[in-house]
Amino acid sequence: MSVQELTAEQMAELRWQLNSRPVRALGTIARGEPLPPLPRCPGCGAVAERVDERLEDPQFGVYETALLARWLPCGHRFRGIVDPFAESVRPGGRWRP
């Protein structure tokens, strides 16, 4: 399966959803509610059971940082350029493309 590119807006929304989920989860657990859902797959809209993410390996002469993300169980993979001035990126999963 090929890797699809995410726009800057999609990347910002994805990072916000993934980074804010643990904080939102604390409130729901305290109230006895289910955990907030993971973001749906941008490619097919499938409900995610897991989202693996990692930073792309550096390449000589390429001056950008990219985050690779894979949705499971659908298996769609995405790549998005990370804004170096945004909050830190958490590398997450350990999968290899």
PDB file of N, CA and C in Angstrom:
ATOM      1  N   MET A   1       0.854  -1.176   0.000  1.00  0.00           N
ATOM      2  CA  MET A   1       0.000   0.000   0.000  1.00  0.00           C
ATOM      3  C   MET A   1       0.897   1.235   0.000  1.00  0.00           C
ATOM      4  N   SER A   2       0.570   2.219  -0.817  1.00  0.00           N
ATOM      5  CA  SER A   2       1.404   3.410  -0.933  1.00  0.00           C
ATOM      6  C   SER A   2       1.157   4.373   0.230  1.00  0.00           C
ATOM      7  N   VAL A   3       2.069   5.323   0.363  1.00  0.00           N
ATOM      8  CA  VAL A   3       1.978   6.343   1.407  1.00  0.00           C
ATOM      9  C   VAL A   3       1.353   7.589   0.797  1.00  0.00           C
ATOM     10  N   GLN A   4       0.297   8.102   1.422  1.00  0.00           N
ATOM     11  CA  GLN A   4      -0.389   9.292   0.941  1.00  0.00           C
ATOM     12  C   GLN A   4       0.099  10.507   1.722  1.00  0.00           C
ATOM     13  N   GLU A   5       0.187  11.656   1.042  1.00  0.00           N
ATOM     14  CA  GLU A   5       0.630  12.895   1.683  1.00  0.00           C
ATOM     15  C   GLU A   5      -0.541  13.579   2.382  1.00  0.00           C
ATOM     16  N   LEU A   6      -0.285  14.122   3.558  1.00  0.00           N
ATOM     17  CA  LEU A   6      -1.262  14.930   4.282  1.00  0.00           C
ATOM     18  C   LEU A   6      -0.942  16.402   4.065  1.00  0.00           C
ATOM     19  N   THR A   7      -1.972  17.245   3.958  1.00  0.00           N
ATOM     20  CA  THR A   7      -1.763  18.685   3.857  1.00  0.00           C
ATOM     21  C   THR A   7      -1.343  19.222   5.225  1.00  0.00           C
ATOM     22  N   ALA A   8      -0.882  20.455   5.251  1.00  0.00           N
ATOM     23  CA  ALA A   8      -0.479  21.078   6.515  1.00  0.00           C
ATOM     24  C   ALA A   8      -1.663  21.153   7.480  1.00  0.00           C
ATOM     25  N   GLU A   9      -2.857  21.448   6.961  1.00  0.00           N
ATOM     26  CA  GLU A   9      -4.043  21.531   7.810  1.00  0.00           C
ATOM     27  C   GLU A   9      -4.410  20.159   8.375  1.00  0.00           C
ATOM     28  N   GLN A  10      -4.356  19.132   7.535  1.00  0.00           N
ATOM     29  CA  GLN A  10      -4.645  17.776   8.010  1.00  0.00           C
ATOM     30  C   GLN A  10      -3.630  17.345   9.058  1.00  0.00           C
ATOM     31  N   MET A  11      -2.376  17.701   8.831  1.00  0.00           N
ATOM     32  CA  MET A  11      -1.313  17.330   9.766  1.00  0.00           C
ATOM     33  C   MET A  11      -1.517  18.014  11.116  1.00  0.00           C
ATOM     34  N   ALA A  12      -1.863  19.301  11.087  1.00  0.00           N
ATOM     35  CA  ALA A  12      -2.093  20.039  12.332  1.00  0.00           C
ATOM     36  C   ALA A  12      -3.274  19.445  13.100  1.00  0.00           C
ATOM     37  N   GLU A  13      -4.350  19.114  12.404  1.00  0.00           N
ATOM     38  CA  GLU A  13      -5.522  18.524  13.050  1.00  0.00           C
ATOM     39  C   GLU A  13      -5.202  17.154  13.638  1.00  0.00           C
ATOM     40  N   LEU A  14      -4.476  16.341  12.888  1.00  0.00           N
ATOM     41  CA  LEU A  14      -4.089  15.010  13.371  1.00  0.00           C
ATOM     42  C   LEU A  14      -3.226  15.110  14.618  1.00  0.00           C
ATOM     43  N   ARG A  15      -2.233  15.983  14.589  1.00  0.00           N
ATOM     44  CA  ARG A  15      -1.352  16.137  15.753  1.00  0.00           C
ATOM     45  C   ARG A  15      -2.129  16.622  16.963  1.00  0.00           C
ATOM     46  N   TRP A  16      -3.075  17.541  16.757  1.00  0.00           N
ATOM     47  CA  TRP A  16      -3.871  18.027  17.877  1.00  0.00           C
ATOM     48  C   TRP A  16      -4.694  16.884  18.462  1.00  0.00           C
ATOM     49  N   GLN A  17      -5.350  16.098  17.592  1.00  0.00           N
ATOM     50  CA  GLN A  17      -6.183  14.995  18.070  1.00  0.00           C
ATOM     51  C   GLN A  17      -5.361  13.961  18.835  1.00  0.00           C
ATOM     52  N   LEU A  18      -4.206  13.593  18.298  1.00  0.00           N
ATOM     53  CA  LEU A  18      -3.385  12.569  18.954  1.00  0.00           C
ATOM     54  C   LEU A  18      -2.743  13.083  20.237  1.00  0.00           C
ATOM     55  N   ASN A  19      -2.266  14.336  20.226  1.00  0.00           N
ATOM     56  CA  ASN A  19      -1.584  14.875  21.406  1.00  0.00           C
ATOM     57  C   ASN A  19      -2.553  15.253  22.524  1.00  0.00           C
ATOM     58  N   SER A  20      -3.793  15.613  22.196  1.00  0.00           N
ATOM     59  CA  SER A  20      -4.743  16.012  23.238  1.00  0.00           C
ATOM     60  C   SER A  20      -5.550  14.831  23.784  1.00  0.00           C
ATOM     61  N   ARG A  21      -5.488  13.683  23.127  1.00  0.00           N
ATOM     62  CA  ARG A  21      -6.285  12.523  23.557  1.00  0.00           C
ATOM     63  C   ARG A  21      -5.976  12.085  24.992  1.00  0.00           C
ATOM     64  N   PRO A  22      -4.696  11.997  25.412  1.00  0.00           N
ATOM     65  CA  PRO A  22      -4.442  11.592  26.808  1.00  0.00           C
ATOM     66  C   PRO A  22      -5.047  12.555  27.829  1.00  0.00           C
ATOM     67  N   VAL A  23      -5.021  13.847  27.531  1.00  0.00           N
ATOM     68  CA  VAL A  23      -5.588  14.831  28.458  1.00  0.00           C
ATOM     69  C   VAL A  23      -7.106  14.696  28.498  1.00  0.00           C
ATOM     70  N   ARG A  24      -7.723  14.542  27.321  1.00  0.00           N
ATOM     71  CA  ARG A  24      -9.175  14.352  27.273  1.00  0.00           C
ATOM     72  C   ARG A  24      -9.571  13.044  27.952  1.00  0.00           C
ATOM     73  N   ALA A  25      -8.720  12.026  27.868  1.00  0.00           N
ATOM     74  CA  ALA A  25      -9.016  10.725  28.477  1.00  0.00           C
ATOM     75  C   ALA A  25      -9.090  10.825  29.994  1.00  0.00           C
ATOM     76  N   LEU A  26      -8.264  11.664  30.587  1.00  0.00           N
ATOM     77  CA  LEU A  26      -8.292  11.810  32.048  1.00  0.00           C
ATOM     78  C   LEU A  26      -9.658  12.253  32.529  1.00  0.00           C
ATOM     79  N   GLY A  27     -10.256  13.206  31.823  1.00  0.00           N
ATOM     80  CA  GLY A  27     -11.579  13.682  32.211  1.00  0.00           C
ATOM     81  C   GLY A  27     -12.653  12.630  32.042  1.00  0.00           C
ATOM     82  N   THR A  28     -12.575  11.867  30.969  1.00  0.00           N
ATOM     83  CA  THR A  28     -13.606  10.851  30.736  1.00  0.00           C
ATOM     84  C   THR A  28     -13.480   9.691  31.716  1.00  0.00           C
ATOM     85  N   ILE A  29     -12.261   9.308  32.051  1.00  0.00           N
ATOM     86  CA  ILE A  29     -12.055   8.222  33.017  1.00  0.00           C
ATOM     87  C   ILE A  29     -12.585   8.632  34.385  1.00  0.00           C
ATOM     88  N   ALA A  30     -12.332   9.884  34.769  1.00  0.00           N
ATOM     89  CA  ALA A  30     -12.800  10.364  36.065  1.00  0.00           C
ATOM     90  C   ALA A  30     -14.325  10.346  36.153  1.00  0.00           C
ATOM     91  N   ARG A  31     -14.999  10.582  35.019  1.00  0.00           N
ATOM     92  CA  ARG A  31     -16.467  10.579  35.000  1.00  0.00           C
ATOM     93  C   ARG A  31     -17.040   9.194  34.699  1.00  0.00           C
ATOM     94  N   GLY A  32     -16.171   8.204  34.485  1.00  0.00           N
ATOM     95  CA  GLY A  32     -16.634   6.848  34.196  1.00  0.00           C
ATOM     96  C   GLY A  32     -17.118   6.652  32.771  1.00  0.00           C
ATOM     97  N   GLU A  33     -16.719   7.529  31.867  1.00  0.00           N
ATOM     98  CA  GLU A  33     -17.123   7.437  30.460  1.00  0.00           C
ATOM     99  C   GLU A  33     -16.054   6.698  29.663  1.00  0.00           C
ATOM    100  N   PRO A  34     -16.392   6.225  28.453  1.00  0.00           N
ATOM    101  CA  PRO A  34     -15.383   5.548  27.628  1.00  0.00           C
ATOM    102  C   PRO A  34     -14.310   6.525  27.142  1.00  0.00           C
ATOM    103  N   LEU A  35     -13.166   5.977  26.785  1.00  0.00           N
ATOM    104  CA  LEU A  35     -12.068   6.804  26.274  1.00  0.00           C
ATOM    105  C   LEU A  35     -12.477   7.523  24.998  1.00  0.00           C
ATOM    106  N   PRO A  36     -11.914   8.721  24.745  1.00  0.00           N
ATOM    107  CA  PRO A  36     -12.200   9.396  23.480  1.00  0.00           C
ATOM    108  C   PRO A  36     -11.676   8.553  22.317  1.00  0.00           C
ATOM    109  N   PRO A  37     -12.385   8.542  21.192  1.00  0.00           N
ATOM    110  CA  PRO A  37     -11.949   7.709  20.070  1.00  0.00           C
ATOM    111  C   PRO A  37     -10.687   8.255  19.413  1.00  0.00           C
ATOM    112  N   LEU A  38      -9.957   7.354  18.774  1.00  0.00           N
ATOM    113  CA  LEU A  38      -8.828   7.773  17.944  1.00  0.00           C
ATOM    114  C   LEU A  38      -9.383   8.449  16.699  1.00  0.00           C
ATOM    115  N   PRO A  39      -8.584   9.314  16.048  1.00  0.00           N
ATOM    116  CA  PRO A  39      -9.071   9.933  14.813  1.00  0.00           C
ATOM    117  C   PRO A  39      -9.339   8.874  13.744  1.00  0.00           C
ATOM    118  N   ARG A  40     -10.368   9.109  12.934  1.00  0.00           N
ATOM    119  CA  ARG A  40     -10.683   8.195  11.832  1.00  0.00           C
ATOM    120  C   ARG A  40      -9.618   8.299  10.750  1.00  0.00           C
ATOM    121  N   CYS A  41      -9.494   7.249   9.958  1.00  0.00           N
ATOM    122  CA  CYS A  41      -8.529   7.216   8.862  1.00  0.00           C
ATOM    123  C   CYS A  41      -8.868   8.313   7.851  1.00  0.00           C
ATOM    124  N   PRO A  42      -7.910   9.180   7.501  1.00  0.00           N
ATOM    125  CA  PRO A  42      -8.174  10.226   6.509  1.00  0.00           C
ATOM    126  C   PRO A  42      -8.465   9.672   5.115  1.00  0.00           C
ATOM    127  N   GLY A  43      -8.033   8.449   4.839  1.00  0.00           N
ATOM    128  CA  GLY A  43      -8.214   7.872   3.514  1.00  0.00           C
ATOM    129  C   GLY A  43      -9.575   7.246   3.299  1.00  0.00           C
ATOM    130  N   CYS A  44     -10.056   6.497   4.291  1.00  0.00           N
ATOM    131  CA  CYS A  44     -11.310   5.757   4.096  1.00  0.00           C
ATOM    132  C   CYS A  44     -12.356   6.056   5.166  1.00  0.00           C
ATOM    133  N   GLY A  45     -11.975   6.782   6.217  1.00  0.00           N
ATOM    134  CA  GLY A  45     -12.923   7.104   7.275  1.00  0.00           C
ATOM    135  C   GLY A  45     -13.173   5.982   8.262  1.00  0.00           C
ATOM    136  N   ALA A  46     -12.375   4.912   8.183  1.00  0.00           N
ATOM    137  CA  ALA A  46     -12.560   3.770   9.079  1.00  0.00           C
ATOM    138  C   ALA A  46     -12.237   4.148  10.522  1.00  0.00           C
ATOM    139  N   VAL A  47     -12.946   3.520  11.435  1.00  0.00           N
ATOM    140  CA  VAL A  47     -12.671   3.702  12.863  1.00  0.00           C
ATOM    141  C   VAL A  47     -11.331   3.038  13.163  1.00  0.00           C
ATOM    142  N   ALA A  48     -10.463   3.755  13.858  1.00  0.00           N
ATOM    143  CA  ALA A  48      -9.121   3.242  14.149  1.00  0.00           C
ATOM    144  C   ALA A  48      -9.111   2.473  15.459  1.00  0.00           C
ATOM    145  N   GLU A  49      -8.469   1.323  15.428  1.00  0.00           N
ATOM    146  CA  GLU A  49      -8.189   0.592  16.658  1.00  0.00           C
ATOM    147  C   GLU A  49      -6.835   1.020  17.201  1.00  0.00           C
ATOM    148  N   ARG A  50      -5.965   1.445  16.294  1.00  0.00           N
ATOM    149  CA  ARG A  50      -4.622   1.887  16.676  1.00  0.00           C
ATOM    150  C   ARG A  50      -4.079   2.793  15.573  1.00  0.00           C
ATOM    151  N   VAL A  51      -3.302   3.805  15.964  1.00  0.00           N
ATOM    152  CA  VAL A  51      -2.594   4.658  15.013  1.00  0.00           C
ATOM    153  C   VAL A  51      -1.124   4.617  15.402  1.00  0.00           C
ATOM    154  N   ASP A  52      -0.305   4.032  14.537  1.00  0.00           N
ATOM    155  CA  ASP A  52       1.143   4.009  14.760  1.00  0.00           C
ATOM    156  C   ASP A  52       1.732   5.242  14.105  1.00  0.00           C
ATOM    157  N   GLU A  53       2.658   5.884  14.783  1.00  0.00           N
ATOM    158  CA  GLU A  53       3.315   7.053  14.208  1.00  0.00           C
ATOM    159  C   GLU A  53       4.786   7.036  14.572  1.00  0.00           C
ATOM    160  N   ARG A  54       5.578   7.580  13.670  1.00  0.00           N
ATOM    161  CA  ARG A  54       7.019   7.702  13.921  1.00  0.00           C
ATOM    162  C   ARG A  54       7.565   8.793  13.023  1.00  0.00           C
ATOM    163  N   LEU A  55       8.719   9.328  13.408  1.00  0.00           N
ATOM    164  CA  LEU A  55       9.391  10.309  12.568  1.00  0.00           C
ATOM    165  C   LEU A  55      10.096   9.592  11.432  1.00  0.00           C
ATOM    166  N   GLU A  56      10.033  10.188  10.252  1.00  0.00           N
ATOM    167  CA  GLU A  56      10.710   9.622   9.092  1.00  0.00           C
ATOM    168  C   GLU A  56      12.214   9.663   9.313  1.00  0.00           C
ATOM    169  N   ASP A  57      12.911   8.641   8.849  1.00  0.00           N
ATOM    170  CA  ASP A  57      14.364   8.610   8.963  1.00  0.00           C
ATOM    171  C   ASP A  57      14.964   9.787   8.200  1.00  0.00           C
ATOM    172  N   PRO A  58      15.987  10.470   8.763  1.00  0.00           N
ATOM    173  CA  PRO A  58      16.607  11.599   8.070  1.00  0.00           C
ATOM    174  C   PRO A  58      17.275  11.145   6.771  1.00  0.00           C
ATOM    175  N   GLN A  59      17.255  12.040   5.791  1.00  0.00           N
ATOM    176  CA  GLN A  59      17.899  11.772   4.510  1.00  0.00           C
ATOM    177  C   GLN A  59      18.862  12.906   4.206  1.00  0.00           C
ATOM    178  N   PHE A  60      20.004  12.563   3.632  1.00  0.00           N
ATOM    179  CA  PHE A  60      20.998  13.570   3.286  1.00  0.00           C
ATOM    180  C   PHE A  60      20.413  14.524   2.249  1.00  0.00           C
ATOM    181  N   GLY A  61      20.529  15.810   2.498  1.00  0.00           N
ATOM    182  CA  GLY A  61      20.061  16.821   1.564  1.00  0.00           C
ATOM    183  C   GLY A  61      18.579  17.128   1.639  1.00  0.00           C
ATOM    184  N   VAL A  62      17.852  16.494   2.536  1.00  0.00           N
ATOM    185  CA  VAL A  62      16.426  16.768   2.707  1.00  0.00           C
ATOM    186  C   VAL A  62      16.271  17.506   4.030  1.00  0.00           C
ATOM    187  N   TYR A  63      15.802  18.742   3.933  1.00  0.00           N
ATOM    188  CA  TYR A  63      15.749  19.596   5.119  1.00  0.00           C
ATOM    189  C   TYR A  63      14.305  19.781   5.581  1.00  0.00           C
ATOM    190  N   GLU A  64      13.668  18.674   5.904  1.00  0.00           N
ATOM    191  CA  GLU A  64      12.325  18.713   6.449  1.00  0.00           C
ATOM    192  C   GLU A  64      12.160  17.529   7.399  1.00  0.00           C
ATOM    193  N   THR A  65      11.258  17.696   8.331  1.00  0.00           N
ATOM    194  CA  THR A  65      10.943  16.616   9.250  1.00  0.00           C
ATOM    195  C   THR A  65       9.541  16.135   8.914  1.00  0.00           C
ATOM    196  N   ALA A  66       9.404  14.836   8.726  1.00  0.00           N
ATOM    197  CA  ALA A  66       8.098  14.287   8.369  1.00  0.00           C
ATOM    198  C   ALA A  66       7.676  13.234   9.385  1.00  0.00           C
ATOM    199  N   LEU A  67       6.390  13.204   9.634  1.00  0.00           N
ATOM    200  CA  LEU A  67       5.796  12.203  10.509  1.00  0.00           C
ATOM    201  C   LEU A  67       5.100  11.177   9.627  1.00  0.00           C
ATOM    202  N   LEU A  68       5.360   9.908   9.878  1.00  0.00           N
ATOM    203  CA  LEU A  68       4.690   8.821   9.178  1.00  0.00           C
ATOM    204  C   LEU A  68       3.642   8.239  10.117  1.00  0.00           C
ATOM    205  N   ALA A  69       2.442   8.023   9.610  1.00  0.00           N
ATOM    206  CA  ALA A  69       1.365   7.477  10.433  1.00  0.00           C
ATOM    207  C   ALA A  69       0.685   6.341   9.685  1.00  0.00           C
ATOM    208  N   ARG A  70       0.294   5.309  10.424  1.00  0.00           N
ATOM    209  CA  ARG A  70      -0.397   4.158   9.838  1.00  0.00           C
ATOM    210  C   ARG A  70      -1.618   3.836  10.695  1.00  0.00           C
ATOM    211  N   TRP A  71      -2.771   3.731  10.035  1.00  0.00           N
ATOM    212  CA  TRP A  71      -4.017   3.400  10.715  1.00  0.00           C
ATOM    213  C   TRP A  71      -4.234   1.899  10.658  1.00  0.00           C
ATOM    214  N   LEU A  72      -4.676   1.334  11.775  1.00  0.00           N
ATOM    215  CA  LEU A  72      -4.999  -0.087  11.819  1.00  0.00           C
ATOM    216  C   LEU A  72      -6.435  -0.236  12.296  1.00  0.00           C
ATOM    217  N   PRO A  73      -7.238  -1.084  11.758  1.00  0.00           N
ATOM    218  CA  PRO A  73      -6.895  -2.233  10.944  1.00  0.00           C
ATOM    219  C   PRO A  73      -6.863  -1.980   9.437  1.00  0.00           C
ATOM    220  N   CYS A  74      -7.259  -0.792   8.941  1.00  0.00           N
ATOM    221  CA  CYS A  74      -7.337  -0.606   7.485  1.00  0.00           C
ATOM    222  C   CYS A  74      -5.962  -0.597   6.820  1.00  0.00           C
ATOM    223  N   GLY A  75      -4.908  -0.182   7.537  1.00  0.00           N
ATOM    224  CA  GLY A  75      -3.551  -0.237   7.009  1.00  0.00           C
ATOM    225  C   GLY A  75      -3.126   0.942   6.157  1.00  0.00           C
ATOM    226  N   HIS A  76      -3.969   1.980   6.022  1.00  0.00           N
ATOM    227  CA  HIS A  76      -3.570   3.141   5.226  1.00  0.00           C
ATOM    228  C   HIS A  76      -2.407   3.867   5.892  1.00  0.00           C
ATOM    229  N   ARG A  77      -1.482   4.334   5.061  1.00  0.00           N
ATOM    230  CA  ARG A  77      -0.291   5.037   5.565  1.00  0.00           C
ATOM    231  C   ARG A  77      -0.270   6.461   5.025  1.00  0.00           C
ATOM    232  N   PHE A  78       0.214   7.370   5.885  1.00  0.00           N
ATOM    233  CA  PHE A  78       0.245   8.785   5.532  1.00  0.00           C
ATOM    234  C   PHE A  78       1.573   9.395   5.954  1.00  0.00           C
ATOM    235  N   ARG A  79       1.941  10.465   5.249  1.00  0.00           N
ATOM    236  CA  ARG A  79       3.157  11.219   5.536  1.00  0.00           C
ATOM    237  C   ARG A  79       2.782  12.691   5.565  1.00  0.00           C
ATOM    238  N   GLY A  80       3.265  13.398   6.574  1.00  0.00           N
ATOM    239  CA  GLY A  80       3.007  14.827   6.676  1.00  0.00           C
ATOM    240  C   GLY A  80       4.232  15.552   7.182  1.00  0.00           C
ATOM    241  N   ILE A  81       4.478  16.721   6.608  1.00  0.00           N
ATOM    242  CA  ILE A  81       5.602  17.553   7.035  1.00  0.00           C
ATOM    243  C   ILE A  81       5.246  18.176   8.378  1.00  0.00           C
ATOM    244  N   VAL A  82       6.178  18.121   9.295  1.00  0.00           N
ATOM    245  CA  VAL A  82       5.987  18.645  10.642  1.00  0.00           C
ATOM    246  C   VAL A  82       6.534  20.061  10.702  1.00  0.00           C
ATOM    247  N   ASP A  83       5.744  20.966  11.256  1.00  0.00           N
ATOM    248  CA  ASP A  83       6.176  22.347  11.446  1.00  0.00           C
ATOM    249  C   ASP A  83       7.233  22.363  12.544  1.00  0.00           C
ATOM    250  N   PRO A  84       8.468  22.800  12.233  1.00  0.00           N
ATOM    251  CA  PRO A  84       9.520  22.772  13.256  1.00  0.00           C
ATOM    252  C   PRO A  84       9.262  23.722  14.417  1.00  0.00           C
ATOM    253  N   PHE A  85       8.330  24.677  14.239  1.00  0.00           N
ATOM    254  CA  PHE A  85       8.057  25.642  15.298  1.00  0.00           C
ATOM    255  C   PHE A  85       6.840  25.256  16.137  1.00  0.00           C
ATOM    256  N   ALA A  86       6.196  24.130  15.796  1.00  0.00           N
ATOM    257  CA  ALA A  86       5.056  23.645  16.579  1.00  0.00           C
ATOM    258  C   ALA A  86       5.578  22.884  17.790  1.00  0.00           C
ATOM    259  N   GLU A  87       4.647  22.478  18.661  1.00  0.00           N
ATOM    260  CA  GLU A  87       5.079  21.714  19.838  1.00  0.00           C
ATOM    261  C   GLU A  87       5.732  20.421  19.394  1.00  0.00           C
ATOM    262  N   SER A  88       6.442  19.800  20.297  1.00  0.00           N
ATOM    263  CA  SER A  88       7.233  18.624  19.935  1.00  0.00           C
ATOM    264  C   SER A  88       6.361  17.494  19.401  1.00  0.00           C
ATOM    265  N   VAL A  89       6.951  16.692  18.556  1.00  0.00           N
ATOM    266  CA  VAL A  89       6.268  15.547  17.959  1.00  0.00           C
ATOM    267  C   VAL A  89       6.647  14.321  18.762  1.00  0.00           C
ATOM    268  N   ARG A  90       5.675  13.515  19.104  1.00  0.00           N
ATOM    269  CA  ARG A  90       6.003  12.277  19.809  1.00  0.00           C
ATOM    270  C   ARG A  90       6.153  11.165  18.779  1.00  0.00           C
ATOM    271  N   PRO A  91       7.268  10.473  18.777  1.00  0.00           N
ATOM    272  CA  PRO A  91       7.526   9.478  17.745  1.00  0.00           C
ATOM    273  C   PRO A  91       6.562   8.301  17.744  1.00  0.00           C
ATOM    274  N   GLY A  92       6.080   7.850  18.850  1.00  0.00           N
ATOM    275  CA  GLY A  92       5.066   6.806  18.871  1.00  0.00           C
ATOM    276  C   GLY A  92       5.555   5.444  18.438  1.00  0.00           C
ATOM    277  N   GLY A  93       4.832   4.819  17.508  1.00  0.00           N
ATOM    278  CA  GLY A  93       5.051   3.433  17.100  1.00  0.00           C
ATOM    279  C   GLY A  93       6.406   3.150  16.482  1.00  0.00           C
ATOM    280  N   ARG A  94       6.665   1.870  16.266  1.00  0.00           N
ATOM    281  CA  ARG A  94       7.962   1.424  15.778  1.00  0.00           C
ATOM    282  C   ARG A  94       7.863   0.683  14.445  1.00  0.00           C
ATOM    283  N   TRP A  95       6.810   0.884  13.677  1.00  0.00           N
ATOM    284  CA  TRP A  95       6.649   0.150  12.428  1.00  0.00           C
ATOM    285  C   TRP A  95       7.590   0.683  11.361  1.00  0.00           C
ATOM    286  N   ARG A  96       7.850  -0.113  10.388  1.00  0.00           N
ATOM    287  CA  ARG A  96       8.729   0.259   9.274  1.00  0.00           C
ATOM    288  C   ARG A  96       7.916   0.228   7.986  1.00  0.00           C
ATOM    289  N   PRO A  97       8.007   1.266   7.133  1.00  0.00           N
ATOM    290  CA  PRO A  97       7.252   1.260   5.876  1.00  0.00           C
ATOM    291  C   PRO A  97       7.807   0.246   4.897  1.00  0.00           C
TER     292      PRO A  97
END
